[in-house]
Amino acid sequence: MLSPQLPFESLAEFLASGHFRRQVKFYLGEASITLVEQFIRGYRSCLRCKALPEEIDFDWYEFHLFVAVTYAEAGVLTGWRTIILTHCRGDERLAFTVFLEAFDRYRTLRINNNGEWVSDEEGIT
């Protein structure tokens, strides 16, 4: 859990929560894709420093692949933040919004036997 006051089991659950999204300024200072990436990296670094297991319900590497495929940047090694920020022409606030949309979409997807992302909710790729 992130803290006794916040009943979230994982970072992904926290980022998806209305709690985080209503209080972005509190957690990040402003809506920025760079700041949310730093927040995620800091959280994950703290887990490693404390020898705590990283969450298993969200794969950030697979999220990067999803973003790369979504924005026709397959094979790009620069990371999901750079791909989205480039797509948004450097607009940090817009890129933050696009990140949340991609994050929400990715959380509804699973990889099928053909290696394609399919939606649990819609049954489409």
C-alpha atoms as a PDB file:
ATOM      1  CA  MET A   1       0.000   0.000   0.000  1.00  0.00           C
ATOM      2  CA  LEU A   2       1.195   3.531  -0.652  1.00  0.00           C
ATOM      3  CA  SER A   3       0.209   4.737   2.819  1.00  0.00           C
ATOM      4  CA  PRO A   4      -2.247   3.787   5.552  1.00  0.00           C
ATOM      5  CA  GLN A   5      -4.546   6.627   4.461  1.00  0.00           C
ATOM      6  CA  LEU A   6      -4.650   5.631   0.790  1.00  0.00           C
ATOM      7  CA  PRO A   7      -6.119   2.204   0.098  1.00  0.00           C
ATOM      8  CA  PHE A   8      -4.301   1.543  -3.175  1.00  0.00           C
ATOM      9  CA  GLU A   9      -2.562  -1.760  -3.737  1.00  0.00           C
ATOM     10  CA  SER A  10      -0.263  -0.556  -6.503  1.00  0.00           C
ATOM     11  CA  LEU A  11       1.124   2.481  -8.237  1.00  0.00           C
ATOM     12  CA  ALA A  12      -1.020   1.720 -11.296  1.00  0.00           C
ATOM     13  CA  GLU A  13      -4.159   1.640  -9.169  1.00  0.00           C
ATOM     14  CA  PHE A  14      -3.159   4.947  -7.577  1.00  0.00           C
ATOM     15  CA  LEU A  15      -2.493   6.633 -10.945  1.00  0.00           C
ATOM     16  CA  ALA A  16      -5.873   5.419 -12.215  1.00  0.00           C
ATOM     17  CA  SER A  17      -7.696   6.703  -9.150  1.00  0.00           C
ATOM     18  CA  GLY A  18      -9.819   9.791  -8.929  1.00  0.00           C
ATOM     19  CA  HIS A  19      -7.813  10.648  -5.832  1.00  0.00           C
ATOM     20  CA  PHE A  20      -4.634  11.160  -7.870  1.00  0.00           C
ATOM     21  CA  ARG A  21      -6.402  12.789 -10.808  1.00  0.00           C
ATOM     22  CA  ARG A  22      -8.255  15.316  -8.653  1.00  0.00           C
ATOM     23  CA  GLN A  23      -5.042  16.234  -6.819  1.00  0.00           C
ATOM     24  CA  VAL A  24      -2.429  16.256  -9.583  1.00  0.00           C
ATOM     25  CA  LYS A  25      -1.130  19.615  -8.408  1.00  0.00           C
ATOM     26  CA  PHE A  26      -0.542  18.196  -4.918  1.00  0.00           C
ATOM     27  CA  TYR A  27       1.363  15.144  -6.158  1.00  0.00           C
ATOM     28  CA  LEU A  28       3.192  16.610  -9.167  1.00  0.00           C
ATOM     29  CA  GLY A  29       3.042  20.380  -8.845  1.00  0.00           C
ATOM     30  CA  GLU A  30       1.371  20.630 -12.255  1.00  0.00           C
ATOM     31  CA  ALA A  31      -0.042  18.384 -14.980  1.00  0.00           C
ATOM     32  CA  SER A  32       3.116  17.338 -16.805  1.00  0.00           C
ATOM     33  CA  ILE A  33       4.129  14.095 -18.465  1.00  0.00           C
ATOM     34  CA  THR A  34       7.738  14.654 -17.389  1.00  0.00           C
ATOM     35  CA  LEU A  35       6.711  15.125 -13.767  1.00  0.00           C
ATOM     36  CA  VAL A  36       4.499  12.024 -13.775  1.00  0.00           C
ATOM     37  CA  GLU A  37       7.359   9.990 -15.238  1.00  0.00           C
ATOM     38  CA  GLN A  38       9.662  11.287 -12.491  1.00  0.00           C
ATOM     39  CA  PHE A  39       7.016  10.423  -9.886  1.00  0.00           C
ATOM     40  CA  ILE A  40       6.778   6.869 -11.265  1.00  0.00           C
ATOM     41  CA  ARG A  41      10.568   6.471 -11.376  1.00  0.00           C
ATOM     42  CA  GLY A  42      10.903   7.793  -7.838  1.00  0.00           C
ATOM     43  CA  TYR A  43       8.247   5.421  -6.526  1.00  0.00           C
ATOM     44  CA  ARG A  44       9.849   2.436  -8.227  1.00  0.00           C
ATOM     45  CA  SER A  45      13.316   3.472  -7.001  1.00  0.00           C
ATOM     46  CA  CYS A  46      12.025   3.618  -3.431  1.00  0.00           C
ATOM     47  CA  LEU A  47      10.692   0.083  -3.775  1.00  0.00           C
ATOM     48  CA  ARG A  48      14.093  -1.147  -4.964  1.00  0.00           C
ATOM     49  CA  CYS A  49      15.980   0.749  -2.236  1.00  0.00           C
ATOM     50  CA  LYS A  50      13.773  -0.816   0.420  1.00  0.00           C
ATOM     51  CA  ALA A  51      14.054  -4.255  -1.245  1.00  0.00           C
ATOM     52  CA  LEU A  52      10.278  -4.332  -1.670  1.00  0.00           C
ATOM     53  CA  PRO A  53       8.750  -6.248  -4.558  1.00  0.00           C
ATOM     54  CA  GLU A  54       7.704  -4.183  -7.529  1.00  0.00           C
ATOM     55  CA  GLU A  55       4.075  -4.429  -8.481  1.00  0.00           C
ATOM     56  CA  ILE A  56       3.173  -7.234 -10.812  1.00  0.00           C
ATOM     57  CA  ASP A  57      -0.148  -5.899 -12.071  1.00  0.00           C
ATOM     58  CA  PHE A  58       1.342  -3.331 -14.439  1.00  0.00           C
ATOM     59  CA  ASP A  59       4.228  -3.859 -16.833  1.00  0.00           C
ATOM     60  CA  TRP A  60       5.857  -0.515 -17.701  1.00  0.00           C
ATOM     61  CA  TYR A  61       7.939  -2.117 -20.445  1.00  0.00           C
ATOM     62  CA  GLU A  62       4.804  -3.481 -22.129  1.00  0.00           C
ATOM     63  CA  PHE A  63       3.186  -0.057 -21.683  1.00  0.00           C
ATOM     64  CA  HIS A  64       6.116   1.454 -23.591  1.00  0.00           C
ATOM     65  CA  LEU A  65       5.567  -1.063 -26.406  1.00  0.00           C
ATOM     66  CA  PHE A  66       1.845  -0.247 -26.460  1.00  0.00           C
ATOM     67  CA  VAL A  67       2.594   3.494 -26.717  1.00  0.00           C
ATOM     68  CA  ALA A  68       5.194   2.884 -29.433  1.00  0.00           C
ATOM     69  CA  VAL A  69       2.750   0.831 -31.507  1.00  0.00           C
ATOM     70  CA  THR A  70      -0.137   3.243 -30.859  1.00  0.00           C
ATOM     71  CA  TYR A  71       1.876   6.207 -32.138  1.00  0.00           C
ATOM     72  CA  ALA A  72       3.583   4.300 -34.963  1.00  0.00           C
ATOM     73  CA  GLU A  73       6.955   4.475 -33.270  1.00  0.00           C
ATOM     74  CA  ALA A  74       7.588   0.726 -32.986  1.00  0.00           C
ATOM     75  CA  GLY A  75      11.255   0.040 -32.369  1.00  0.00           C
ATOM     76  CA  VAL A  76      11.830   3.424 -30.742  1.00  0.00           C
ATOM     77  CA  LEU A  77      13.897   3.087 -27.596  1.00  0.00           C
ATOM     78  CA  THR A  78      13.352   6.588 -26.222  1.00  0.00           C
ATOM     79  CA  GLY A  79      10.549   5.617 -23.826  1.00  0.00           C
ATOM     80  CA  TRP A  80       6.836   6.220 -23.546  1.00  0.00           C
ATOM     81  CA  ARG A  81       7.223   9.783 -22.228  1.00  0.00           C
ATOM     82  CA  THR A  82       9.303  10.924 -25.188  1.00  0.00           C
ATOM     83  CA  ILE A  83       6.995   9.254 -27.705  1.00  0.00           C
ATOM     84  CA  ILE A  84       3.889  10.891 -26.243  1.00  0.00           C
ATOM     85  CA  LEU A  85       5.592  14.264 -25.715  1.00  0.00           C
ATOM     86  CA  THR A  86       6.834  14.257 -29.315  1.00  0.00           C
ATOM     87  CA  HIS A  87       3.338  13.349 -30.530  1.00  0.00           C
ATOM     88  CA  CYS A  88       2.017  16.349 -28.542  1.00  0.00           C
ATOM     89  CA  ARG A  89       4.691  18.656 -30.010  1.00  0.00           C
ATOM     90  CA  GLY A  90       6.308  19.304 -26.638  1.00  0.00           C
ATOM     91  CA  ASP A  91       3.120  20.377 -24.842  1.00  0.00           C
ATOM     92  CA  GLU A  92       3.623  18.937 -21.332  1.00  0.00           C
ATOM     93  CA  ARG A  93       0.016  19.452 -20.205  1.00  0.00           C
ATOM     94  CA  LEU A  94      -1.480  17.899 -23.339  1.00  0.00           C
ATOM     95  CA  ALA A  95       1.039  15.057 -23.139  1.00  0.00           C
ATOM     96  CA  PHE A  96      -0.044  14.422 -19.525  1.00  0.00           C
ATOM     97  CA  THR A  97      -3.664  14.127 -20.674  1.00  0.00           C
ATOM     98  CA  VAL A  98      -2.662  11.824 -23.547  1.00  0.00           C
ATOM     99  CA  PHE A  99      -0.606   9.736 -21.096  1.00  0.00           C
ATOM    100  CA  LEU A 100      -3.643   9.269 -18.843  1.00  0.00           C
ATOM    101  CA  GLU A 101      -5.768   8.249 -21.834  1.00  0.00           C
ATOM    102  CA  ALA A 102      -3.128   5.762 -23.040  1.00  0.00           C
ATOM    103  CA  PHE A 103      -2.638   4.489 -19.484  1.00  0.00           C
ATOM    104  CA  ASP A 104      -6.384   3.914 -19.055  1.00  0.00           C
ATOM    105  CA  ARG A 105      -6.654   2.234 -22.453  1.00  0.00           C
ATOM    106  CA  TYR A 106      -3.646  -0.007 -21.804  1.00  0.00           C
ATOM    107  CA  ARG A 107      -5.099  -1.151 -18.481  1.00  0.00           C
ATOM    108  CA  THR A 108      -8.128  -2.575 -20.335  1.00  0.00           C
ATOM    109  CA  LEU A 109      -5.974  -4.589 -22.748  1.00  0.00           C
ATOM    110  CA  ARG A 110      -4.432  -8.039 -22.699  1.00  0.00           C
ATOM    111  CA  ILE A 111      -2.102  -9.701 -25.198  1.00  0.00           C
ATOM    112  CA  ASN A 112      -3.793 -12.550 -27.084  1.00  0.00           C
ATOM    113  CA  ASN A 113      -2.174 -15.715 -28.466  1.00  0.00           C
ATOM    114  CA  ASN A 114      -1.202 -13.824 -31.647  1.00  0.00           C
ATOM    115  CA  GLY A 115       0.725 -11.222 -29.668  1.00  0.00           C
ATOM    116  CA  GLU A 116      -1.904  -8.542 -30.322  1.00  0.00           C
ATOM    117  CA  TRP A 117      -3.427  -6.242 -27.729  1.00  0.00           C
ATOM    118  CA  VAL A 118      -7.123  -6.942 -27.313  1.00  0.00           C
ATOM    119  CA  SER A 119      -9.655  -5.208 -25.109  1.00  0.00           C
ATOM    120  CA  ASP A 120     -11.294  -7.209 -22.349  1.00  0.00           C
ATOM    121  CA  GLU A 121     -14.226  -4.797 -22.464  1.00  0.00           C
ATOM    122  CA  GLU A 122     -14.751  -4.494 -26.208  1.00  0.00           C
ATOM    123  CA  GLY A 123     -13.267  -7.710 -27.560  1.00  0.00           C
ATOM    124  CA  ILE A 124     -11.390  -5.775 -30.256  1.00  0.00           C
ATOM    125  CA  THR A 125      -7.745  -5.115 -31.055  1.00  0.00           C
END
